[in-house]
Amino acid sequence: EPALICALAAAKAEQVVMVGDTKQLPPTVASGMTELRTTLGMSPMARLETGGVNERTLRTQYRMHPFLLEFPSAYFYKGVVKSSEELQSIKRRDLPAGFPWPERKDGSYLPLAFVHIGGDLEMTHDFSGKSNPKEAELVVTIVMDLLGGGDVEPEQIAVISPYSRQV
């Protein structure tokens, strides 16, 4: 906030429009002091909102699949955020072949899957790193199956892992 105030003062701003989302992740404060984390852990947008400044909520989103929007829209935004018409037209045929996408009760398919591999399979190494070989093997299988489905190219796949040794 001090940097924001300094920038606004230096610009001699008479009017300010702030764009952000108080429902997203708060600022990260790396401190053992609870009071400091509480004070600095609130974004300037959240502080203004708490202080009574009116907010406007985006009503149409253009980036994520409509199924992925359902939960955050309902939980954080009281159901007011909807997908654009273009995104609403996404059907099963738009999901890449080669993976058993989860099916909903209405016959549509989710473009998101949580795959449980069971048990505590994480390994700790002497250099204090961690890895999960079984998880890495499963990721390789899923990627190969997706590539074998013929709908995606290798450069269209990204693997994100908390373990640098698995990537």
N, C-alpha and C. Protein backbone atom coordinates (compact mmCIF):
# COMPACT_ATOMS: atom_id res chain seq x y z
N GLU A 1 0.81 -1.20 0.00
CA GLU A 1 0.00 0.00 0.00
C GLU A 1 0.85 1.26 0.00
N PRO A 2 1.94 1.32 0.76
CA PRO A 2 2.75 2.53 0.71
C PRO A 2 3.22 2.85 -0.70
N ALA A 3 3.61 1.83 -1.48
CA ALA A 3 4.05 2.07 -2.85
C ALA A 3 2.91 2.60 -3.69
N LEU A 4 1.71 2.10 -3.47
CA LEU A 4 0.54 2.56 -4.21
C LEU A 4 0.24 4.02 -3.86
N ILE A 5 0.26 4.34 -2.59
CA ILE A 5 -0.01 5.72 -2.15
C ILE A 5 1.04 6.66 -2.73
N CYS A 6 2.31 6.26 -2.68
CA CYS A 6 3.40 7.10 -3.21
C CYS A 6 3.21 7.34 -4.71
N ALA A 7 2.86 6.29 -5.44
CA ALA A 7 2.67 6.42 -6.90
C ALA A 7 1.50 7.35 -7.19
N LEU A 8 0.41 7.23 -6.46
CA LEU A 8 -0.75 8.09 -6.67
C LEU A 8 -0.42 9.55 -6.34
N ALA A 9 0.32 9.74 -5.25
CA ALA A 9 0.71 11.10 -4.86
C ALA A 9 1.66 11.70 -5.89
N ALA A 10 2.62 10.93 -6.36
CA ALA A 10 3.58 11.43 -7.35
C ALA A 10 2.89 11.79 -8.66
N ALA A 11 1.85 11.04 -9.01
CA ALA A 11 1.12 11.30 -10.25
C ALA A 11 0.11 12.44 -10.08
N LYS A 12 -0.04 12.90 -8.85
CA LYS A 12 -1.03 13.94 -8.53
C LYS A 12 -2.42 13.54 -9.03
N ALA A 13 -2.73 12.26 -8.79
CA ALA A 13 -4.01 11.71 -9.27
C ALA A 13 -5.18 12.38 -8.57
N GLU A 14 -6.15 12.79 -9.34
CA GLU A 14 -7.38 13.36 -8.80
C GLU A 14 -8.50 12.31 -8.79
N GLN A 15 -8.41 11.37 -9.69
CA GLN A 15 -9.38 10.28 -9.76
C GLN A 15 -8.61 8.98 -9.98
N VAL A 16 -9.11 7.93 -9.38
CA VAL A 16 -8.43 6.64 -9.48
C VAL A 16 -9.46 5.55 -9.77
N VAL A 17 -9.15 4.70 -10.72
CA VAL A 17 -9.95 3.51 -10.98
C VAL A 17 -9.05 2.33 -10.68
N MET A 18 -9.46 1.51 -9.72
CA MET A 18 -8.66 0.33 -9.36
C MET A 18 -9.37 -0.91 -9.90
N VAL A 19 -8.59 -1.77 -10.52
CA VAL A 19 -9.13 -3.01 -11.07
C VAL A 19 -8.44 -4.16 -10.37
N GLY A 20 -9.22 -5.04 -9.82
CA GLY A 20 -8.66 -6.19 -9.12
C GLY A 20 -9.78 -7.07 -8.64
N ASP A 21 -9.44 -8.07 -7.87
CA ASP A 21 -10.43 -9.01 -7.40
C ASP A 21 -10.11 -9.40 -5.96
N THR A 22 -10.95 -8.97 -5.05
CA THR A 22 -10.73 -9.28 -3.64
C THR A 22 -11.04 -10.74 -3.32
N LYS A 23 -11.60 -11.47 -4.24
CA LYS A 23 -11.91 -12.88 -4.02
C LYS A 23 -10.73 -13.77 -4.42
N GLN A 24 -9.72 -13.19 -5.05
CA GLN A 24 -8.54 -13.95 -5.44
C GLN A 24 -7.61 -14.09 -4.25
N LEU A 25 -6.46 -14.68 -4.46
CA LEU A 25 -5.51 -14.88 -3.37
C LEU A 25 -5.05 -13.55 -2.77
N PRO A 26 -4.94 -13.48 -1.45
CA PRO A 26 -4.46 -12.25 -0.80
C PRO A 26 -2.95 -12.11 -0.96
N PRO A 27 -2.41 -10.94 -0.59
CA PRO A 27 -0.96 -10.77 -0.65
C PRO A 27 -0.25 -11.79 0.24
N THR A 28 0.94 -12.19 -0.15
CA THR A 28 1.74 -13.10 0.67
C THR A 28 2.62 -12.28 1.58
N VAL A 29 2.54 -12.54 2.86
CA VAL A 29 3.37 -11.85 3.84
C VAL A 29 4.18 -12.89 4.58
N ALA A 30 5.49 -12.88 4.35
CA ALA A 30 6.38 -13.85 4.97
C ALA A 30 6.89 -13.29 6.29
N SER A 31 6.12 -13.49 7.34
CA SER A 31 6.49 -13.00 8.66
C SER A 31 5.87 -13.92 9.70
N GLY A 32 6.58 -14.09 10.79
CA GLY A 32 6.06 -14.87 11.91
C GLY A 32 5.12 -14.06 12.79
N MET A 33 5.05 -12.76 12.55
CA MET A 33 4.22 -11.89 13.38
C MET A 33 2.77 -11.90 12.87
N THR A 34 1.87 -12.42 13.68
CA THR A 34 0.46 -12.53 13.30
C THR A 34 -0.13 -11.17 12.95
N GLU A 35 0.15 -10.16 13.74
CA GLU A 35 -0.44 -8.83 13.50
C GLU A 35 0.03 -8.28 12.15
N LEU A 36 1.30 -8.46 11.84
CA LEU A 36 1.84 -7.97 10.57
C LEU A 36 1.20 -8.72 9.40
N ARG A 37 1.06 -10.05 9.52
CA ARG A 37 0.42 -10.84 8.46
C ARG A 37 -1.03 -10.41 8.25
N THR A 38 -1.72 -10.14 9.36
CA THR A 38 -3.12 -9.72 9.28
C THR A 38 -3.24 -8.34 8.63
N THR A 39 -2.39 -7.42 9.04
CA THR A 39 -2.45 -6.05 8.53
C THR A 39 -2.03 -5.98 7.06
N LEU A 40 -0.87 -6.53 6.73
CA LEU A 40 -0.36 -6.45 5.37
C LEU A 40 -0.95 -7.52 4.45
N GLY A 41 -1.61 -8.51 5.03
CA GLY A 41 -2.19 -9.59 4.24
C GLY A 41 -3.50 -9.22 3.57
N MET A 42 -3.97 -8.00 3.77
CA MET A 42 -5.19 -7.53 3.11
C MET A 42 -4.79 -6.61 1.97
N SER A 43 -5.32 -6.89 0.79
CA SER A 43 -4.97 -6.09 -0.38
C SER A 43 -5.60 -4.70 -0.27
N PRO A 44 -5.05 -3.72 -0.97
CA PRO A 44 -5.66 -2.38 -0.98
C PRO A 44 -7.12 -2.43 -1.44
N MET A 45 -7.43 -3.29 -2.41
CA MET A 45 -8.81 -3.42 -2.89
C MET A 45 -9.72 -3.92 -1.78
N ALA A 46 -9.29 -4.95 -1.05
CA ALA A 46 -10.09 -5.50 0.04
C ALA A 46 -10.27 -4.47 1.15
N ARG A 47 -9.23 -3.71 1.42
CA ARG A 47 -9.31 -2.68 2.46
C ARG A 47 -10.34 -1.61 2.07
N LEU A 48 -10.35 -1.20 0.82
CA LEU A 48 -11.34 -0.22 0.35
C LEU A 48 -12.75 -0.79 0.42
N GLU A 49 -12.89 -2.05 0.00
CA GLU A 49 -14.20 -2.69 0.04
C GLU A 49 -14.71 -2.78 1.48
N THR A 50 -13.84 -3.18 2.41
CA THR A 50 -14.21 -3.26 3.82
C THR A 50 -14.58 -1.88 4.36
N GLY A 51 -13.93 -0.85 3.83
CA GLY A 51 -14.20 0.53 4.27
C GLY A 51 -15.46 1.13 3.67
N GLY A 52 -16.15 0.38 2.81
CA GLY A 52 -17.41 0.87 2.28
C GLY A 52 -17.38 1.37 0.84
N VAL A 53 -16.23 1.30 0.16
CA VAL A 53 -16.17 1.72 -1.23
C VAL A 53 -16.91 0.70 -2.08
N ASN A 54 -17.80 1.15 -2.94
CA ASN A 54 -18.60 0.25 -3.77
C ASN A 54 -17.72 -0.52 -4.74
N GLU A 55 -18.17 -1.72 -5.04
CA GLU A 55 -17.47 -2.56 -6.01
C GLU A 55 -18.37 -2.85 -7.20
N ARG A 56 -17.76 -3.19 -8.31
CA ARG A 56 -18.50 -3.66 -9.48
C ARG A 56 -17.91 -5.01 -9.85
N THR A 57 -18.75 -5.95 -10.10
CA THR A 57 -18.29 -7.31 -10.41
C THR A 57 -18.42 -7.58 -11.90
N LEU A 58 -17.38 -8.13 -12.46
CA LEU A 58 -17.39 -8.60 -13.84
C LEU A 58 -18.52 -9.61 -13.97
N ARG A 59 -19.31 -9.51 -15.01
CA ARG A 59 -20.44 -10.42 -15.20
C ARG A 59 -20.17 -11.48 -16.25
N THR A 60 -19.27 -11.22 -17.18
CA THR A 60 -18.97 -12.17 -18.25
C THR A 60 -17.47 -12.44 -18.26
N GLN A 61 -17.12 -13.72 -18.25
CA GLN A 61 -15.70 -14.08 -18.32
C GLN A 61 -15.46 -14.77 -19.66
N TYR A 62 -14.24 -14.62 -20.18
CA TYR A 62 -13.92 -15.09 -21.53
C TYR A 62 -12.77 -16.10 -21.57
N ARG A 63 -12.27 -16.53 -20.42
CA ARG A 63 -11.06 -17.35 -20.43
C ARG A 63 -11.24 -18.81 -20.04
N MET A 64 -12.01 -19.09 -19.01
CA MET A 64 -12.07 -20.47 -18.54
C MET A 64 -13.30 -21.21 -19.02
N HIS A 65 -13.18 -22.51 -19.08
CA HIS A 65 -14.28 -23.37 -19.50
C HIS A 65 -15.46 -23.15 -18.55
N PRO A 66 -16.70 -23.12 -19.07
CA PRO A 66 -17.87 -22.87 -18.22
C PRO A 66 -17.99 -23.81 -17.02
N PHE A 67 -17.60 -25.07 -17.17
CA PHE A 67 -17.68 -26.00 -16.05
C PHE A 67 -16.71 -25.62 -14.93
N LEU A 68 -15.56 -25.06 -15.31
CA LEU A 68 -14.60 -24.64 -14.30
C LEU A 68 -15.07 -23.38 -13.58
N LEU A 69 -15.94 -22.63 -14.21
CA LEU A 69 -16.46 -21.39 -13.62
C LEU A 69 -17.57 -21.66 -12.60
N GLU A 70 -18.27 -22.77 -12.72
CA GLU A 70 -19.44 -23.02 -11.88
C GLU A 70 -19.18 -22.81 -10.40
N PHE A 71 -18.14 -23.45 -9.86
CA PHE A 71 -17.89 -23.34 -8.42
C PHE A 71 -17.50 -21.92 -8.00
N PRO A 72 -16.47 -21.30 -8.61
CA PRO A 72 -16.12 -19.96 -8.14
C PRO A 72 -17.25 -18.95 -8.30
N SER A 73 -18.03 -19.07 -9.37
CA SER A 73 -19.14 -18.14 -9.56
C SER A 73 -20.15 -18.29 -8.44
N ALA A 74 -20.51 -19.53 -8.11
CA ALA A 74 -21.50 -19.77 -7.06
C ALA A 74 -20.95 -19.41 -5.68
N TYR A 75 -19.72 -19.82 -5.39
CA TYR A 75 -19.16 -19.69 -4.05
C TYR A 75 -18.68 -18.26 -3.74
N PHE A 76 -18.02 -17.62 -4.69
CA PHE A 76 -17.43 -16.31 -4.42
C PHE A 76 -18.27 -15.14 -4.94
N TYR A 77 -19.02 -15.36 -6.02
CA TYR A 77 -19.67 -14.25 -6.71
C TYR A 77 -21.19 -14.36 -6.76
N LYS A 78 -21.77 -15.18 -5.90
CA LYS A 78 -23.23 -15.33 -5.80
C LYS A 78 -23.87 -15.71 -7.14
N GLY A 79 -23.14 -16.40 -7.99
CA GLY A 79 -23.67 -16.90 -9.25
C GLY A 79 -23.82 -15.88 -10.36
N VAL A 80 -23.30 -14.68 -10.17
CA VAL A 80 -23.52 -13.63 -11.18
C VAL A 80 -22.54 -13.70 -12.35
N VAL A 81 -21.40 -14.35 -12.19
CA VAL A 81 -20.41 -14.41 -13.26
C VAL A 81 -20.74 -15.58 -14.18
N LYS A 82 -20.88 -15.29 -15.46
CA LYS A 82 -21.23 -16.29 -16.47
C LYS A 82 -20.15 -16.31 -17.55
N SER A 83 -20.13 -17.38 -18.32
CA SER A 83 -19.20 -17.49 -19.44
C SER A 83 -19.78 -16.81 -20.67
N SER A 84 -18.89 -16.35 -21.54
CA SER A 84 -19.32 -15.75 -22.80
C SER A 84 -20.08 -16.79 -23.62
N GLU A 85 -20.88 -16.33 -24.57
CA GLU A 85 -21.64 -17.25 -25.43
C GLU A 85 -20.71 -18.19 -26.17
N GLU A 86 -19.58 -17.67 -26.60
CA GLU A 86 -18.61 -18.50 -27.33
C GLU A 86 -18.14 -19.67 -26.47
N LEU A 87 -17.85 -19.41 -25.19
CA LEU A 87 -17.39 -20.48 -24.30
C LEU A 87 -18.52 -21.43 -23.94
N GLN A 88 -19.74 -20.95 -23.88
CA GLN A 88 -20.87 -21.80 -23.51
C GLN A 88 -21.16 -22.85 -24.58
N SER A 89 -20.63 -22.66 -25.77
CA SER A 89 -20.89 -23.60 -26.86
C SER A 89 -19.91 -24.77 -26.88
N ILE A 90 -18.99 -24.82 -25.92
CA ILE A 90 -18.01 -25.91 -25.87
C ILE A 90 -18.73 -27.22 -25.53
N LYS A 91 -18.50 -28.24 -26.31
CA LYS A 91 -19.14 -29.55 -26.12
C LYS A 91 -18.07 -30.62 -25.94
N ARG A 92 -18.50 -31.82 -25.72
CA ARG A 92 -17.60 -32.96 -25.51
C ARG A 92 -16.58 -33.09 -26.63
N ARG A 93 -16.97 -32.83 -27.86
CA ARG A 93 -16.06 -32.98 -28.97
C ARG A 93 -14.86 -32.06 -28.87
N ASP A 94 -14.96 -31.03 -28.02
CA ASP A 94 -13.86 -30.08 -27.88
C ASP A 94 -12.79 -30.56 -26.89
N LEU A 95 -13.08 -31.64 -26.15
CA LEU A 95 -12.09 -32.17 -25.21
C LEU A 95 -11.21 -33.17 -25.96
N PRO A 96 -9.91 -33.12 -25.73
CA PRO A 96 -9.02 -34.01 -26.48
C PRO A 96 -9.26 -35.49 -26.17
N ALA A 97 -9.18 -36.30 -27.19
CA ALA A 97 -9.31 -37.76 -27.05
C ALA A 97 -8.08 -38.30 -26.35
N GLY A 98 -8.23 -39.50 -25.77
CA GLY A 98 -7.08 -40.15 -25.15
C GLY A 98 -7.13 -40.11 -23.64
N PHE A 99 -8.15 -39.49 -23.06
CA PHE A 99 -8.27 -39.42 -21.61
C PHE A 99 -9.73 -39.63 -21.23
N PRO A 100 -10.02 -40.40 -20.18
CA PRO A 100 -11.40 -40.65 -19.78
C PRO A 100 -11.96 -39.47 -18.96
N TRP A 101 -12.37 -38.42 -19.65
CA TRP A 101 -12.88 -37.23 -18.97
C TRP A 101 -14.10 -37.58 -18.12
N PRO A 102 -14.23 -37.02 -16.92
CA PRO A 102 -15.38 -37.34 -16.06
C PRO A 102 -16.69 -36.89 -16.70
N GLU A 103 -17.71 -37.74 -16.58
CA GLU A 103 -19.02 -37.42 -17.14
C GLU A 103 -19.96 -36.95 -16.03
N ARG A 104 -20.72 -35.90 -16.36
CA ARG A 104 -21.70 -35.36 -15.41
C ARG A 104 -23.03 -36.10 -15.59
N LYS A 105 -23.94 -35.87 -14.66
CA LYS A 105 -25.26 -36.51 -14.72
C LYS A 105 -26.03 -36.14 -15.98
N ASP A 106 -25.78 -34.94 -16.51
CA ASP A 106 -26.51 -34.50 -17.71
C ASP A 106 -25.89 -35.00 -19.01
N GLY A 107 -24.85 -35.83 -18.91
CA GLY A 107 -24.21 -36.38 -20.10
C GLY A 107 -23.07 -35.54 -20.65
N SER A 108 -22.85 -34.35 -20.09
CA SER A 108 -21.73 -33.52 -20.53
C SER A 108 -20.47 -33.98 -19.80
N TYR A 109 -19.33 -33.53 -20.30
CA TYR A 109 -18.05 -33.96 -19.73
C TYR A 109 -17.30 -32.79 -19.13
N LEU A 110 -16.63 -33.06 -18.02
CA LEU A 110 -15.83 -32.02 -17.36
C LEU A 110 -14.43 -31.99 -17.96
N PRO A 111 -13.89 -30.79 -18.19
CA PRO A 111 -12.54 -30.67 -18.72
C PRO A 111 -11.48 -30.68 -17.61
N LEU A 112 -11.83 -31.25 -16.47
CA LEU A 112 -10.95 -31.26 -15.30
C LEU A 112 -11.12 -32.60 -14.60
N ALA A 113 -10.03 -33.22 -14.20
CA ALA A 113 -10.12 -34.49 -13.50
C ALA A 113 -9.08 -34.53 -12.38
N PHE A 114 -9.48 -35.03 -11.25
CA PHE A 114 -8.55 -35.30 -10.15
C PHE A 114 -8.33 -36.80 -10.14
N VAL A 115 -7.08 -37.21 -10.31
CA VAL A 115 -6.77 -38.63 -10.41
C VAL A 115 -6.06 -39.06 -9.14
N HIS A 116 -6.70 -39.95 -8.38
CA HIS A 116 -6.16 -40.43 -7.12
C HIS A 116 -5.25 -41.62 -7.38
N ILE A 117 -4.02 -41.56 -6.87
CA ILE A 117 -3.11 -42.69 -7.06
C ILE A 117 -2.95 -43.50 -5.77
N GLY A 118 -3.54 -43.00 -4.69
CA GLY A 118 -3.58 -43.75 -3.44
C GLY A 118 -2.31 -43.66 -2.62
N GLY A 119 -2.48 -43.77 -1.31
CA GLY A 119 -1.37 -43.88 -0.38
C GLY A 119 -0.45 -42.69 -0.32
N ASP A 120 0.48 -42.76 0.63
CA ASP A 120 1.51 -41.73 0.78
C ASP A 120 2.73 -42.21 0.03
N LEU A 121 2.88 -41.77 -1.20
CA LEU A 121 3.95 -42.25 -2.06
C LEU A 121 5.08 -41.24 -2.23
N GLU A 122 5.03 -40.16 -1.48
CA GLU A 122 6.04 -39.11 -1.57
C GLU A 122 7.35 -39.61 -0.95
N MET A 123 8.46 -39.31 -1.61
CA MET A 123 9.78 -39.69 -1.11
C MET A 123 10.58 -38.45 -0.76
N THR A 124 11.28 -38.50 0.38
CA THR A 124 12.17 -37.41 0.78
C THR A 124 13.60 -37.84 0.46
N HIS A 125 14.36 -36.95 -0.13
CA HIS A 125 15.73 -37.26 -0.55
C HIS A 125 16.74 -36.64 0.40
N ASP A 126 17.98 -37.14 0.35
CA ASP A 126 19.05 -36.66 1.22
C ASP A 126 19.31 -35.16 1.06
N PHE A 127 19.10 -34.63 -0.14
CA PHE A 127 19.35 -33.22 -0.38
C PHE A 127 18.16 -32.36 0.02
N SER A 128 17.23 -32.93 0.77
CA SER A 128 16.03 -32.30 1.33
C SER A 128 14.93 -32.06 0.30
N GLY A 129 15.09 -32.58 -0.88
CA GLY A 129 14.04 -32.48 -1.88
C GLY A 129 13.03 -33.61 -1.73
N LYS A 130 11.91 -33.48 -2.43
CA LYS A 130 10.88 -34.52 -2.41
C LYS A 130 10.49 -34.86 -3.84
N SER A 131 10.01 -36.08 -4.00
CA SER A 131 9.49 -36.50 -5.30
C SER A 131 8.43 -37.57 -5.09
N ASN A 132 7.72 -37.86 -6.13
CA ASN A 132 6.69 -38.89 -6.09
C ASN A 132 6.77 -39.66 -7.42
N PRO A 133 7.61 -40.69 -7.48
CA PRO A 133 7.82 -41.42 -8.73
C PRO A 133 6.55 -42.01 -9.33
N LYS A 134 5.65 -42.54 -8.51
CA LYS A 134 4.41 -43.13 -9.02
C LYS A 134 3.55 -42.06 -9.70
N GLU A 135 3.50 -40.89 -9.09
CA GLU A 135 2.74 -39.78 -9.68
C GLU A 135 3.36 -39.37 -11.01
N ALA A 136 4.69 -39.31 -11.05
CA ALA A 136 5.38 -38.94 -12.28
C ALA A 136 5.11 -39.95 -13.38
N GLU A 137 5.11 -41.24 -13.03
CA GLU A 137 4.81 -42.29 -14.02
C GLU A 137 3.39 -42.13 -14.57
N LEU A 138 2.44 -41.82 -13.69
CA LEU A 138 1.06 -41.64 -14.13
C LEU A 138 0.93 -40.44 -15.06
N VAL A 139 1.64 -39.36 -14.75
CA VAL A 139 1.61 -38.18 -15.62
C VAL A 139 2.14 -38.53 -17.00
N VAL A 140 3.22 -39.28 -17.07
CA VAL A 140 3.79 -39.69 -18.36
C VAL A 140 2.75 -40.51 -19.14
N THR A 141 2.07 -41.43 -18.46
CA THR A 141 1.05 -42.25 -19.11
C THR A 141 -0.08 -41.39 -19.65
N ILE A 142 -0.56 -40.44 -18.85
CA ILE A 142 -1.65 -39.56 -19.28
C ILE A 142 -1.23 -38.73 -20.49
N VAL A 143 -0.02 -38.17 -20.45
CA VAL A 143 0.47 -37.35 -21.57
C VAL A 143 0.59 -38.21 -22.83
N MET A 144 1.13 -39.40 -22.70
CA MET A 144 1.27 -40.28 -23.87
C MET A 144 -0.10 -40.67 -24.43
N ASP A 145 -1.06 -40.92 -23.55
CA ASP A 145 -2.41 -41.26 -24.00
C ASP A 145 -3.06 -40.08 -24.72
N LEU A 146 -2.88 -38.88 -24.20
CA LEU A 146 -3.43 -37.69 -24.85
C LEU A 146 -2.80 -37.49 -26.24
N LEU A 147 -1.49 -37.65 -26.30
CA LEU A 147 -0.82 -37.52 -27.60
C LEU A 147 -1.29 -38.61 -28.56
N GLY A 148 -1.49 -39.82 -28.03
CA GLY A 148 -1.97 -40.92 -28.85
C GLY A 148 -3.40 -40.71 -29.35
N GLY A 149 -4.17 -39.88 -28.65
CA GLY A 149 -5.54 -39.59 -29.07
C GLY A 149 -5.59 -38.77 -30.33
N GLY A 150 -4.48 -38.10 -30.66
CA GLY A 150 -4.38 -37.38 -31.92
C GLY A 150 -4.97 -35.98 -31.97
N ASP A 151 -5.54 -35.50 -30.87
CA ASP A 151 -6.15 -34.16 -30.88
C ASP A 151 -5.21 -33.05 -30.42
N VAL A 152 -4.10 -33.41 -29.78
CA VAL A 152 -3.18 -32.39 -29.28
C VAL A 152 -1.75 -32.70 -29.70
N GLU A 153 -0.96 -31.66 -29.82
CA GLU A 153 0.46 -31.78 -30.14
C GLU A 153 1.26 -31.60 -28.84
N PRO A 154 2.49 -32.10 -28.80
CA PRO A 154 3.30 -31.98 -27.58
C PRO A 154 3.41 -30.55 -27.04
N GLU A 155 3.51 -29.56 -27.94
CA GLU A 155 3.66 -28.17 -27.47
C GLU A 155 2.37 -27.61 -26.87
N GLN A 156 1.28 -28.35 -26.96
CA GLN A 156 0.01 -27.90 -26.39
C GLN A 156 -0.22 -28.46 -24.99
N ILE A 157 0.72 -29.24 -24.49
CA ILE A 157 0.58 -29.85 -23.16
C ILE A 157 1.59 -29.23 -22.21
N ALA A 158 1.13 -28.90 -21.02
CA ALA A 158 2.00 -28.38 -19.97
C ALA A 158 1.85 -29.27 -18.74
N VAL A 159 2.95 -29.61 -18.12
CA VAL A 159 2.93 -30.39 -16.89
C VAL A 159 3.42 -29.48 -15.78
N ILE A 160 2.60 -29.32 -14.77
CA ILE A 160 2.94 -28.46 -13.63
C ILE A 160 3.05 -29.35 -12.41
N SER A 161 4.16 -29.25 -11.68
CA SER A 161 4.38 -30.10 -10.53
C SER A 161 5.04 -29.31 -9.41
N PRO A 162 4.69 -29.63 -8.16
CA PRO A 162 5.40 -28.99 -7.05
C PRO A 162 6.81 -29.56 -6.87
N TYR A 163 7.13 -30.60 -7.62
CA TYR A 163 8.44 -31.24 -7.50
C TYR A 163 9.26 -30.96 -8.75
N SER A 164 10.34 -30.23 -8.60
CA SER A 164 11.17 -29.87 -9.76
C SER A 164 11.79 -31.11 -10.39
N ARG A 165 12.03 -32.18 -9.62
CA ARG A 165 12.63 -33.41 -10.18
C ARG A 165 11.65 -34.17 -11.07
N GLN A 166 10.36 -33.84 -11.01
CA GLN A 166 9.37 -34.56 -11.81
C GLN A 166 9.14 -33.89 -13.16
N VAL A 167 9.62 -32.71 -13.34
CA VAL A 167 9.33 -31.99 -14.59
C VAL A 167 10.49 -32.13 -15.55
